[in-house]
Amino acid sequence: MGPAPSGATGSLIALVGVFLPGILLVYGTLPFWDTLRSRPMAQAAMRGANAAVVGILGAALYDPVWTSAMVSPRDFVLALAGFLLLTVWKAPSRVVVILLAGAGTLSRLL
């Protein structure tokens, strides 16, 4: 494939490039985190960042996932069942994924 580095070497370089900045940021701010977390302005900034993340995740759920995956009422029922399993009945996420994968496969076959 393409120019070098490719294959395993290229994927290792990509993996380091994606995760190393975040890891360095976490370890760099860790010694100051308790002090920073106790300041009211920092708390307000963190609340704002949390709200922004929720909004971005909601938008990401709607546009690529909801608009392309919910093509029938059956799909909506499966998504609702998964949500209820996770929130109401507190089922482990791996169990919900396995159940919904099986149910989705069966619903496409029928």
PDB file of N, CA and C in Angstrom:
ATOM      1  N   MET A   1       0.834  -1.178   0.000  1.00  0.00           N
ATOM      2  CA  MET A   1       0.000   0.000   0.000  1.00  0.00           C
ATOM      3  C   MET A   1       0.875   1.236   0.000  1.00  0.00           C
ATOM      4  N   GLY A   2       0.463   2.231  -0.706  1.00  0.00           N
ATOM      5  CA  GLY A   2       1.012   3.578  -0.690  1.00  0.00           C
ATOM      6  C   GLY A   2       2.473   3.708  -0.322  1.00  0.00           C
ATOM      7  N   PRO A   3       2.905   4.905  -0.117  1.00  0.00           N
ATOM      8  CA  PRO A   3       4.301   5.124   0.271  1.00  0.00           C
ATOM      9  C   PRO A   3       4.554   4.686   1.702  1.00  0.00           C
ATOM     10  N   ALA A   4       5.806   4.379   1.982  1.00  0.00           N
ATOM     11  CA  ALA A   4       6.198   3.977   3.338  1.00  0.00           C
ATOM     12  C   ALA A   4       6.129   5.203   4.242  1.00  0.00           C
ATOM     13  N   PRO A   5       5.898   5.101   5.500  1.00  0.00           N
ATOM     14  CA  PRO A   5       5.632   3.882   6.248  1.00  0.00           C
ATOM     15  C   PRO A   5       4.171   3.471   6.101  1.00  0.00           C
ATOM     16  N   SER A   6       3.976   2.217   5.879  1.00  0.00           N
ATOM     17  CA  SER A   6       2.625   1.690   5.764  1.00  0.00           C
ATOM     18  C   SER A   6       2.542   0.399   6.557  1.00  0.00           C
ATOM     19  N   GLY A   7       1.378  -0.190   6.579  1.00  0.00           N
ATOM     20  CA  GLY A   7       1.199  -1.438   7.309  1.00  0.00           C
ATOM     21  C   GLY A   7       1.288  -1.226   8.811  1.00  0.00           C
ATOM     22  N   ALA A   8       1.955  -2.148   9.467  1.00  0.00           N
ATOM     23  CA  ALA A   8       2.045  -2.111  10.931  1.00  0.00           C
ATOM     24  C   ALA A   8       2.825  -0.881  11.408  1.00  0.00           C
ATOM     25  N   THR A   9       3.880  -0.506  10.696  1.00  0.00           N
ATOM     26  CA  THR A   9       4.669   0.658  11.106  1.00  0.00           C
ATOM     27  C   THR A   9       3.844   1.933  11.001  1.00  0.00           C
ATOM     28  N   GLY A  10       3.143   2.097   9.917  1.00  0.00           N
ATOM     29  CA  GLY A  10       2.295   3.269   9.747  1.00  0.00           C
ATOM     30  C   GLY A  10       1.180   3.333  10.770  1.00  0.00           C
ATOM     31  N   SER A  11       0.595   2.182  11.076  1.00  0.00           N
ATOM     32  CA  SER A  11      -0.487   2.174  12.068  1.00  0.00           C
ATOM     33  C   SER A  11       0.041   2.485  13.452  1.00  0.00           C
ATOM     34  N   LEU A  12       1.252   2.034  13.769  1.00  0.00           N
ATOM     35  CA  LEU A  12       1.855   2.364  15.063  1.00  0.00           C
ATOM     36  C   LEU A  12       2.143   3.854  15.163  1.00  0.00           C
ATOM     37  N   ILE A  13       2.654   4.453  14.101  1.00  0.00           N
ATOM     38  CA  ILE A  13       2.906   5.895  14.090  1.00  0.00           C
ATOM     39  C   ILE A  13       1.591   6.660  14.259  1.00  0.00           C
ATOM     40  N   ALA A  14       0.536   6.226  13.579  1.00  0.00           N
ATOM     41  CA  ALA A  14      -0.769   6.875  13.700  1.00  0.00           C
ATOM     42  C   ALA A  14      -1.320   6.740  15.122  1.00  0.00           C
ATOM     43  N   LEU A  15      -1.155   5.573  15.710  1.00  0.00           N
ATOM     44  CA  LEU A  15      -1.637   5.344  17.071  1.00  0.00           C
ATOM     45  C   LEU A  15      -0.950   6.278  18.055  1.00  0.00           C
ATOM     46  N   VAL A  16       0.343   6.392  17.947  1.00  0.00           N
ATOM     47  CA  VAL A  16       1.097   7.294  18.824  1.00  0.00           C
ATOM     48  C   VAL A  16       0.690   8.740  18.564  1.00  0.00           C
ATOM     49  N   GLY A  17       0.519   9.101  17.300  1.00  0.00           N
ATOM     50  CA  GLY A  17       0.141  10.469  16.961  1.00  0.00           C
ATOM     51  C   GLY A  17      -1.227  10.860  17.470  1.00  0.00           C
ATOM     52  N   VAL A  18      -2.124   9.911  17.555  1.00  0.00           N
ATOM     53  CA  VAL A  18      -3.470  10.200  18.023  1.00  0.00           C
ATOM     54  C   VAL A  18      -3.519  10.288  19.556  1.00  0.00           C
ATOM     55  N   PHE A  19      -2.886   9.351  20.236  1.00  0.00           N
ATOM     56  CA  PHE A  19      -3.061   9.266  21.683  1.00  0.00           C
ATOM     57  C   PHE A  19      -1.988   9.975  22.504  1.00  0.00           C
ATOM     58  N   LEU A  20      -0.802  10.161  21.999  1.00  0.00           N
ATOM     59  CA  LEU A  20       0.277  10.762  22.789  1.00  0.00           C
ATOM     60  C   LEU A  20      -0.027  12.187  23.244  1.00  0.00           C
ATOM     61  N   PRO A  21      -0.586  13.068  22.406  1.00  0.00           N
ATOM     62  CA  PRO A  21      -0.863  14.428  22.897  1.00  0.00           C
ATOM     63  C   PRO A  21      -1.816  14.457  24.087  1.00  0.00           C
ATOM     64  N   GLY A  22      -2.862  13.654  24.038  1.00  0.00           N
ATOM     65  CA  GLY A  22      -3.808  13.620  25.159  1.00  0.00           C
ATOM     66  C   GLY A  22      -3.175  13.075  26.428  1.00  0.00           C
ATOM     67  N   ILE A  23      -2.366  12.039  26.282  1.00  0.00           N
ATOM     68  CA  ILE A  23      -1.693  11.458  27.450  1.00  0.00           C
ATOM     69  C   ILE A  23      -0.727  12.462  28.063  1.00  0.00           C
ATOM     70  N   LEU A  24       0.020  13.150  27.215  1.00  0.00           N
ATOM     71  CA  LEU A  24       0.948  14.165  27.725  1.00  0.00           C
ATOM     72  C   LEU A  24       0.200  15.304  28.410  1.00  0.00           C
ATOM     73  N   LEU A  25      -0.936  15.691  27.865  1.00  0.00           N
ATOM     74  CA  LEU A  25      -1.732  16.745  28.477  1.00  0.00           C
ATOM     75  C   LEU A  25      -2.245  16.325  29.849  1.00  0.00           C
ATOM     76  N   VAL A  26      -2.718  15.107  29.964  1.00  0.00           N
ATOM     77  CA  VAL A  26      -3.212  14.610  31.250  1.00  0.00           C
ATOM     78  C   VAL A  26      -2.092  14.562  32.281  1.00  0.00           C
ATOM     79  N   TYR A  27      -0.963  13.976  31.906  1.00  0.00           N
ATOM     80  CA  TYR A  27       0.140  13.872  32.859  1.00  0.00           C
ATOM     81  C   TYR A  27       0.765  15.228  33.166  1.00  0.00           C
ATOM     82  N   GLY A  28       0.680  16.153  32.242  1.00  0.00           N
ATOM     83  CA  GLY A  28       1.231  17.483  32.486  1.00  0.00           C
ATOM     84  C   GLY A  28       0.383  18.303  33.446  1.00  0.00           C
ATOM     85  N   THR A  29      -0.935  18.127  33.418  1.00  0.00           N
ATOM     86  CA  THR A  29      -1.813  18.901  34.293  1.00  0.00           C
ATOM     87  C   THR A  29      -2.162  18.175  35.587  1.00  0.00           C
ATOM     88  N   LEU A  30      -1.837  16.922  35.688  1.00  0.00           N
ATOM     89  CA  LEU A  30      -2.198  16.142  36.876  1.00  0.00           C
ATOM     90  C   LEU A  30      -1.678  16.748  38.175  1.00  0.00           C
ATOM     91  N   PRO A  31      -0.436  17.233  38.258  1.00  0.00           N
ATOM     92  CA  PRO A  31       0.031  17.806  39.523  1.00  0.00           C
ATOM     93  C   PRO A  31      -0.739  19.059  39.948  1.00  0.00           C
ATOM     94  N   PHE A  32      -1.348  19.768  38.998  1.00  0.00           N
ATOM     95  CA  PHE A  32      -2.055  21.009  39.306  1.00  0.00           C
ATOM     96  C   PHE A  32      -3.562  20.836  39.374  1.00  0.00           C
ATOM     97  N   TRP A  33      -4.046  19.634  39.152  1.00  0.00           N
ATOM     98  CA  TRP A  33      -5.479  19.418  39.002  1.00  0.00           C
ATOM     99  C   TRP A  33      -6.269  19.742  40.262  1.00  0.00           C
ATOM    100  N   ASP A  34      -5.811  19.327  41.447  1.00  0.00           N
ATOM    101  CA  ASP A  34      -6.565  19.591  42.679  1.00  0.00           C
ATOM    102  C   ASP A  34      -6.685  21.083  42.939  1.00  0.00           C
ATOM    103  N   THR A  35      -5.619  21.824  42.701  1.00  0.00           N
ATOM    104  CA  THR A  35      -5.658  23.274  42.897  1.00  0.00           C
ATOM    105  C   THR A  35      -6.593  23.916  41.875  1.00  0.00           C
ATOM    106  N   LEU A  36      -6.477  23.510  40.647  1.00  0.00           N
ATOM    107  CA  LEU A  36      -7.292  24.084  39.586  1.00  0.00           C
ATOM    108  C   LEU A  36      -8.771  23.774  39.787  1.00  0.00           C
ATOM    109  N   ARG A  37      -9.062  22.584  40.211  1.00  0.00           N
ATOM    110  CA  ARG A  37     -10.439  22.133  40.388  1.00  0.00           C
ATOM    111  C   ARG A  37     -11.171  22.873  41.505  1.00  0.00           C
ATOM    112  N   SER A  38     -10.446  23.427  42.452  1.00  0.00           N
ATOM    113  CA  SER A  38     -11.080  24.114  43.579  1.00  0.00           C
ATOM    114  C   SER A  38     -11.433  25.568  43.257  1.00  0.00           C
ATOM    115  N   ARG A  39     -10.980  26.097  42.152  1.00  0.00           N
ATOM    116  CA  ARG A  39     -11.252  27.497  41.788  1.00  0.00           C
ATOM    117  C   ARG A  39     -12.614  27.613  41.087  1.00  0.00           C
ATOM    118  N   PRO A  40     -13.422  28.614  41.509  1.00  0.00           N
ATOM    119  CA  PRO A  40     -14.764  28.768  40.922  1.00  0.00           C
ATOM    120  C   PRO A  40     -14.752  29.009  39.409  1.00  0.00           C
ATOM    121  N   MET A  41     -13.802  29.773  38.914  1.00  0.00           N
ATOM    122  CA  MET A  41     -13.751  30.035  37.470  1.00  0.00           C
ATOM    123  C   MET A  41     -13.437  28.751  36.697  1.00  0.00           C
ATOM    124  N   ALA A  42     -12.569  27.931  37.245  1.00  0.00           N
ATOM    125  CA  ALA A  42     -12.237  26.661  36.597  1.00  0.00           C
ATOM    126  C   ALA A  42     -13.437  25.719  36.636  1.00  0.00           C
ATOM    127  N   GLN A  43     -14.172  25.734  37.741  1.00  0.00           N
ATOM    128  CA  GLN A  43     -15.366  24.896  37.832  1.00  0.00           C
ATOM    129  C   GLN A  43     -16.399  25.316  36.788  1.00  0.00           C
ATOM    130  N   ALA A  44     -16.565  26.624  36.607  1.00  0.00           N
ATOM    131  CA  ALA A  44     -17.513  27.115  35.602  1.00  0.00           C
ATOM    132  C   ALA A  44     -17.065  26.717  34.195  1.00  0.00           C
ATOM    133  N   ALA A  45     -15.766  26.796  33.939  1.00  0.00           N
ATOM    134  CA  ALA A  45     -15.247  26.406  32.628  1.00  0.00           C
ATOM    135  C   ALA A  45     -15.460  24.917  32.395  1.00  0.00           C
ATOM    136  N   MET A  46     -15.262  24.105  33.423  1.00  0.00           N
ATOM    137  CA  MET A  46     -15.466  22.661  33.266  1.00  0.00           C
ATOM    138  C   MET A  46     -16.934  22.333  33.036  1.00  0.00           C
ATOM    139  N   ARG A  47     -17.845  23.045  33.714  1.00  0.00           N
ATOM    140  CA  ARG A  47     -19.270  22.826  33.462  1.00  0.00           C
ATOM    141  C   ARG A  47     -19.635  23.189  32.030  1.00  0.00           C
ATOM    142  N   GLY A  48     -19.066  24.292  31.546  1.00  0.00           N
ATOM    143  CA  GLY A  48     -19.307  24.692  30.153  1.00  0.00           C
ATOM    144  C   GLY A  48     -18.752  23.678  29.167  1.00  0.00           C
ATOM    145  N   ALA A  49     -17.561  23.168  29.452  1.00  0.00           N
ATOM    146  CA  ALA A  49     -16.965  22.161  28.573  1.00  0.00           C
ATOM    147  C   ALA A  49     -17.797  20.883  28.583  1.00  0.00           C
ATOM    148  N   ASN A  50     -18.296  20.490  29.739  1.00  0.00           N
ATOM    149  CA  ASN A  50     -19.144  19.295  29.825  1.00  0.00           C
ATOM    150  C   ASN A  50     -20.425  19.477  29.016  1.00  0.00           C
ATOM    151  N   ALA A  51     -21.029  20.669  29.119  1.00  0.00           N
ATOM    152  CA  ALA A  51     -22.242  20.928  28.340  1.00  0.00           C
ATOM    153  C   ALA A  51     -21.951  20.901  26.848  1.00  0.00           C
ATOM    154  N   ALA A  52     -20.808  21.448  26.444  1.00  0.00           N
ATOM    155  CA  ALA A  52     -20.443  21.439  25.021  1.00  0.00           C
ATOM    156  C   ALA A  52     -20.231  20.016  24.527  1.00  0.00           C
ATOM    157  N   VAL A  53     -19.605  19.184  25.323  1.00  0.00           N
ATOM    158  CA  VAL A  53     -19.371  17.790  24.932  1.00  0.00           C
ATOM    159  C   VAL A  53     -20.692  17.053  24.771  1.00  0.00           C
ATOM    160  N   VAL A  54     -21.630  17.290  25.673  1.00  0.00           N
ATOM    161  CA  VAL A  54     -22.943  16.648  25.558  1.00  0.00           C
ATOM    162  C   VAL A  54     -23.624  17.087  24.267  1.00  0.00           C
ATOM    163  N   GLY A  55     -23.537  18.354  23.943  1.00  0.00           N
ATOM    164  CA  GLY A  55     -24.125  18.846  22.699  1.00  0.00           C
ATOM    165  C   GLY A  55     -23.485  18.233  21.471  1.00  0.00           C
ATOM    166  N   ILE A  56     -22.163  18.140  21.463  1.00  0.00           N
ATOM    167  CA  ILE A  56     -21.453  17.556  20.325  1.00  0.00           C
ATOM    168  C   ILE A  56     -21.802  16.075  20.177  1.00  0.00           C
ATOM    169  N   LEU A  57     -21.858  15.351  21.300  1.00  0.00           N
ATOM    170  CA  LEU A  57     -22.222  13.940  21.224  1.00  0.00           C
ATOM    171  C   LEU A  57     -23.653  13.755  20.742  1.00  0.00           C
ATOM    172  N   GLY A  58     -24.553  14.636  21.176  1.00  0.00           N
ATOM    173  CA  GLY A  58     -25.938  14.569  20.698  1.00  0.00           C
ATOM    174  C   GLY A  58     -26.030  14.821  19.204  1.00  0.00           C
ATOM    175  N   ALA A  59     -25.274  15.811  18.722  1.00  0.00           N
ATOM    176  CA  ALA A  59     -25.267  16.098  17.281  1.00  0.00           C
ATOM    177  C   ALA A  59     -24.658  14.942  16.505  1.00  0.00           C
ATOM    178  N   ALA A  60     -23.600  14.353  17.035  1.00  0.00           N
ATOM    179  CA  ALA A  60     -22.969  13.219  16.363  1.00  0.00           C
ATOM    180  C   ALA A  60     -23.883  11.999  16.372  1.00  0.00           C
ATOM    181  N   LEU A  61     -24.683  11.851  17.407  1.00  0.00           N
ATOM    182  CA  LEU A  61     -25.638  10.744  17.427  1.00  0.00           C
ATOM    183  C   LEU A  61     -26.725  10.966  16.391  1.00  0.00           C
ATOM    184  N   TYR A  62     -27.214  12.187  16.288  1.00  0.00           N
ATOM    185  CA  TYR A  62     -28.322  12.438  15.375  1.00  0.00           C
ATOM    186  C   TYR A  62     -27.915  12.322  13.920  1.00  0.00           C
ATOM    187  N   ASP A  63     -26.885  13.100  13.519  1.00  0.00           N
ATOM    188  CA  ASP A  63     -26.641  13.215  12.080  1.00  0.00           C
ATOM    189  C   ASP A  63     -26.121  11.932  11.440  1.00  0.00           C
ATOM    190  N   PRO A  64     -24.989  11.382  11.819  1.00  0.00           N
ATOM    191  CA  PRO A  64     -24.604  10.183  11.072  1.00  0.00           C
ATOM    192  C   PRO A  64     -25.346   8.926  11.521  1.00  0.00           C
ATOM    193  N   VAL A  65     -25.681   8.822  12.803  1.00  0.00           N
ATOM    194  CA  VAL A  65     -26.258   7.567  13.291  1.00  0.00           C
ATOM    195  C   VAL A  65     -27.759   7.533  13.073  1.00  0.00           C
ATOM    196  N   TRP A  66     -28.467   8.485  13.650  1.00  0.00           N
ATOM    197  CA  TRP A  66     -29.927   8.456  13.620  1.00  0.00           C
ATOM    198  C   TRP A  66     -30.465   8.541  12.198  1.00  0.00           C
ATOM    199  N   THR A  67     -29.909   9.448  11.410  1.00  0.00           N
ATOM    200  CA  THR A  67     -30.447   9.658  10.064  1.00  0.00           C
ATOM    201  C   THR A  67     -30.144   8.510   9.115  1.00  0.00           C
ATOM    202  N   SER A  68     -29.094   7.746   9.377  1.00  0.00           N
ATOM    203  CA  SER A  68     -28.773   6.649   8.466  1.00  0.00           C
ATOM    204  C   SER A  68     -29.169   5.279   9.003  1.00  0.00           C
ATOM    205  N   ALA A  69     -29.318   5.143  10.307  1.00  0.00           N
ATOM    206  CA  ALA A  69     -29.594   3.828  10.879  1.00  0.00           C
ATOM    207  C   ALA A  69     -31.070   3.615  11.202  1.00  0.00           C
ATOM    208  N   MET A  70     -31.807   4.657  11.473  1.00  0.00           N
ATOM    209  CA  MET A  70     -33.223   4.517  11.813  1.00  0.00           C
ATOM    210  C   MET A  70     -34.051   4.610  10.540  1.00  0.00           C
ATOM    211  N   VAL A  71     -34.198   3.484   9.861  1.00  0.00           N
ATOM    212  CA  VAL A  71     -34.923   3.482   8.595  1.00  0.00           C
ATOM    213  C   VAL A  71     -36.321   2.880   8.719  1.00  0.00           C
ATOM    214  N   SER A  72     -36.616   2.272   9.854  1.00  0.00           N
ATOM    215  CA  SER A  72     -37.947   1.696  10.042  1.00  0.00           C
ATOM    216  C   SER A  72     -38.327   1.810  11.516  1.00  0.00           C
ATOM    217  N   PRO A  73     -39.610   1.669  11.806  1.00  0.00           N
ATOM    218  CA  PRO A  73     -40.031   1.694  13.209  1.00  0.00           C
ATOM    219  C   PRO A  73     -39.377   0.586  14.043  1.00  0.00           C
ATOM    220  N   ARG A  74     -39.062  -0.521  13.411  1.00  0.00           N
ATOM    221  CA  ARG A  74     -38.402  -1.627  14.103  1.00  0.00           C
ATOM    222  C   ARG A  74     -37.039  -1.192  14.649  1.00  0.00           C
ATOM    223  N   ASP A  75     -36.315  -0.383  13.871  1.00  0.00           N
ATOM    224  CA  ASP A  75     -35.018   0.128  14.326  1.00  0.00           C
ATOM    225  C   ASP A  75     -35.182   1.018  15.559  1.00  0.00           C
ATOM    226  N   PHE A  76     -36.235   1.842  15.538  1.00  0.00           N
ATOM    227  CA  PHE A  76     -36.494   2.708  16.691  1.00  0.00           C
ATOM    228  C   PHE A  76     -36.822   1.883  17.929  1.00  0.00           C
ATOM    229  N   VAL A  77     -37.601   0.831  17.760  1.00  0.00           N
ATOM    230  CA  VAL A  77     -37.957  -0.031  18.898  1.00  0.00           C
ATOM    231  C   VAL A  77     -36.702  -0.690  19.479  1.00  0.00           C
ATOM    232  N   LEU A  78     -35.804  -1.143  18.627  1.00  0.00           N
ATOM    233  CA  LEU A  78     -34.553  -1.746  19.115  1.00  0.00           C
ATOM    234  C   LEU A  78     -33.705  -0.729  19.870  1.00  0.00           C
ATOM    235  N   ALA A  79     -33.613   0.487  19.332  1.00  0.00           N
ATOM    236  CA  ALA A  79     -32.831   1.529  20.012  1.00  0.00           C
ATOM    237  C   ALA A  79     -33.460   1.877  21.357  1.00  0.00           C
ATOM    238  N   LEU A  80     -34.770   1.972  21.396  1.00  0.00           N
ATOM    239  CA  LEU A  80     -35.466   2.265  22.654  1.00  0.00           C
ATOM    240  C   LEU A  80     -35.273   1.136  23.660  1.00  0.00           C
ATOM    241  N   ALA A  81     -35.326  -0.097  23.191  1.00  0.00           N
ATOM    242  CA  ALA A  81     -35.100  -1.240  24.089  1.00  0.00           C
ATOM    243  C   ALA A  81     -33.692  -1.203  24.669  1.00  0.00           C
ATOM    244  N   GLY A  82     -32.714  -0.881  23.836  1.00  0.00           N
ATOM    245  CA  GLY A  82     -31.344  -0.771  24.345  1.00  0.00           C
ATOM    246  C   GLY A  82     -31.206   0.336  25.375  1.00  0.00           C
ATOM    247  N   PHE A  83     -31.841   1.475  25.108  1.00  0.00           N
ATOM    248  CA  PHE A  83     -31.806   2.578  26.067  1.00  0.00           C
ATOM    249  C   PHE A  83     -32.442   2.180  27.394  1.00  0.00           C
ATOM    250  N   LEU A  84     -33.584   1.524  27.325  1.00  0.00           N
ATOM    251  CA  LEU A  84     -34.260   1.092  28.555  1.00  0.00           C
ATOM    252  C   LEU A  84     -33.452   0.037  29.301  1.00  0.00           C
ATOM    253  N   LEU A  85     -32.842  -0.877  28.570  1.00  0.00           N
ATOM    254  CA  LEU A  85     -31.996  -1.884  29.234  1.00  0.00           C
ATOM    255  C   LEU A  85     -30.854  -1.227  29.991  1.00  0.00           C
ATOM    256  N   LEU A  86     -30.260  -0.206  29.393  1.00  0.00           N
ATOM    257  CA  LEU A  86     -29.127   0.460  30.038  1.00  0.00           C
ATOM    258  C   LEU A  86     -29.542   1.353  31.198  1.00  0.00           C
ATOM    259  N   THR A  87     -30.622   2.118  31.025  1.00  0.00           N
ATOM    260  CA  THR A  87     -30.958   3.121  32.036  1.00  0.00           C
ATOM    261  C   THR A  87     -31.911   2.625  33.116  1.00  0.00           C
ATOM    262  N   VAL A  88     -32.923   1.878  32.721  1.00  0.00           N
ATOM    263  CA  VAL A  88     -33.927   1.456  33.700  1.00  0.00           C
ATOM    264  C   VAL A  88     -33.503   0.173  34.405  1.00  0.00           C
ATOM    265  N   TRP A  89     -33.111  -0.815  33.613  1.00  0.00           N
ATOM    266  CA  TRP A  89     -32.781  -2.112  34.210  1.00  0.00           C
ATOM    267  C   TRP A  89     -31.302  -2.281  34.515  1.00  0.00           C
ATOM    268  N   LYS A  90     -30.504  -1.269  34.215  1.00  0.00           N
ATOM    269  CA  LYS A  90     -29.064  -1.251  34.551  1.00  0.00           C
ATOM    270  C   LYS A  90     -28.333  -2.503  34.059  1.00  0.00           C
ATOM    271  N   ALA A  91     -28.667  -2.933  32.865  1.00  0.00           N
ATOM    272  CA  ALA A  91     -27.988  -4.091  32.279  1.00  0.00           C
ATOM    273  C   ALA A  91     -26.561  -3.702  31.884  1.00  0.00           C
ATOM    274  N   PRO A  92     -25.616  -4.607  31.992  1.00  0.00           N
ATOM    275  CA  PRO A  92     -24.242  -4.305  31.567  1.00  0.00           C
ATOM    276  C   PRO A  92     -24.201  -3.992  30.062  1.00  0.00           C
ATOM    277  N   SER A  93     -23.379  -3.044  29.690  1.00  0.00           N
ATOM    278  CA  SER A  93     -23.351  -2.595  28.300  1.00  0.00           C
ATOM    279  C   SER A  93     -22.969  -3.715  27.335  1.00  0.00           C
ATOM    280  N   ARG A  94     -22.078  -4.600  27.743  1.00  0.00           N
ATOM    281  CA  ARG A  94     -21.694  -5.682  26.834  1.00  0.00           C
ATOM    282  C   ARG A  94     -22.877  -6.614  26.564  1.00  0.00           C
ATOM    283  N   VAL A  95     -23.729  -6.817  27.561  1.00  0.00           N
ATOM    284  CA  VAL A  95     -24.917  -7.652  27.374  1.00  0.00           C
ATOM    285  C   VAL A  95     -25.887  -6.965  26.417  1.00  0.00           C
ATOM    286  N   VAL A  96     -26.056  -5.652  26.575  1.00  0.00           N
ATOM    287  CA  VAL A  96     -26.964  -4.903  25.705  1.00  0.00           C
ATOM    288  C   VAL A  96     -26.460  -4.927  24.263  1.00  0.00           C
ATOM    289  N   VAL A  97     -25.163  -4.757  24.075  1.00  0.00           N
ATOM    290  CA  VAL A  97     -24.605  -4.795  22.718  1.00  0.00           C
ATOM    291  C   VAL A  97     -24.838  -6.161  22.082  1.00  0.00           C
ATOM    292  N   ILE A  98     -24.588  -7.215  22.823  1.00  0.00           N
ATOM    293  CA  ILE A  98     -24.773  -8.566  22.278  1.00  0.00           C
ATOM    294  C   ILE A  98     -26.253  -8.824  21.961  1.00  0.00           C
ATOM    295  N   LEU A  99     -27.141  -8.448  22.873  1.00  0.00           N
ATOM    296  CA  LEU A  99     -28.576  -8.654  22.638  1.00  0.00           C
ATOM    297  C   LEU A  99     -29.071  -7.869  21.431  1.00  0.00           C
ATOM    298  N   LEU A 100     -28.669  -6.599  21.334  1.00  0.00           N
ATOM    299  CA  LEU A 100     -29.152  -5.780  20.231  1.00  0.00           C
ATOM    300  C   LEU A 100     -28.526  -6.191  18.899  1.00  0.00           C
ATOM    301  N   ALA A 101     -27.296  -6.664  18.925  1.00  0.00           N
ATOM    302  CA  ALA A 101     -26.688  -7.164  17.685  1.00  0.00           C
ATOM    303  C   ALA A 101     -27.454  -8.383  17.182  1.00  0.00           C
ATOM    304  N   GLY A 102     -27.798  -9.274  18.083  1.00  0.00           N
ATOM    305  CA  GLY A 102     -28.585 -10.440  17.698  1.00  0.00           C
ATOM    306  C   GLY A 102     -29.975 -10.061  17.240  1.00  0.00           C
ATOM    307  N   ALA A 103     -30.625  -9.158  17.965  1.00  0.00           N
ATOM    308  CA  ALA A 103     -31.973  -8.732  17.599  1.00  0.00           C
ATOM    309  C   ALA A 103     -31.961  -7.987  16.271  1.00  0.00           C
ATOM    310  N   GLY A 104     -30.944  -7.159  16.031  1.00  0.00           N
ATOM    311  CA  GLY A 104     -30.863  -6.449  14.758  1.00  0.00           C
ATOM    312  C   GLY A 104     -30.627  -7.398  13.598  1.00  0.00           C
ATOM    313  N   THR A 105     -29.796  -8.377  13.810  1.00  0.00           N
ATOM    314  CA  THR A 105     -29.551  -9.372  12.764  1.00  0.00           C
ATOM    315  C   THR A 105     -30.830 -10.152  12.459  1.00  0.00           C
ATOM    316  N   LEU A 106     -31.520 -10.581  13.504  1.00  0.00           N
ATOM    317  CA  LEU A 106     -32.778 -11.311  13.295  1.00  0.00           C
ATOM    318  C   LEU A 106     -33.828 -10.455  12.615  1.00  0.00           C
ATOM    319  N   SER A 107     -33.893  -9.165  12.984  1.00  0.00           N
ATOM    320  CA  SER A 107     -34.912  -8.297  12.376  1.00  0.00           C
ATOM    321  C   SER A 107     -34.644  -8.070  10.891  1.00  0.00           C
ATOM    322  N   ARG A 108     -33.389  -8.092  10.481  1.00  0.00           N
ATOM    323  CA  ARG A 108     -33.072  -7.927   9.058  1.00  0.00           C
ATOM    324  C   ARG A 108     -33.356  -9.199   8.273  1.00  0.00           C
ATOM    325  N   LEU A 109     -33.257 -10.353   8.927  1.00  0.00           N
ATOM    326  CA  LEU A 109     -33.524 -11.611   8.250  1.00  0.00           C
ATOM    327  C   LEU A 109     -35.006 -11.868   8.053  1.00  0.00           C
ATOM    328  N   LEU A 110     -35.825 -11.322   8.959  1.00  0.00           N
ATOM    329  CA  LEU A 110     -37.275 -11.570   8.890  1.00  0.00           C
ATOM    330  C   LEU A 110     -37.989 -10.634   7.977  1.00  0.00           C
TER     331      LEU A 110
END
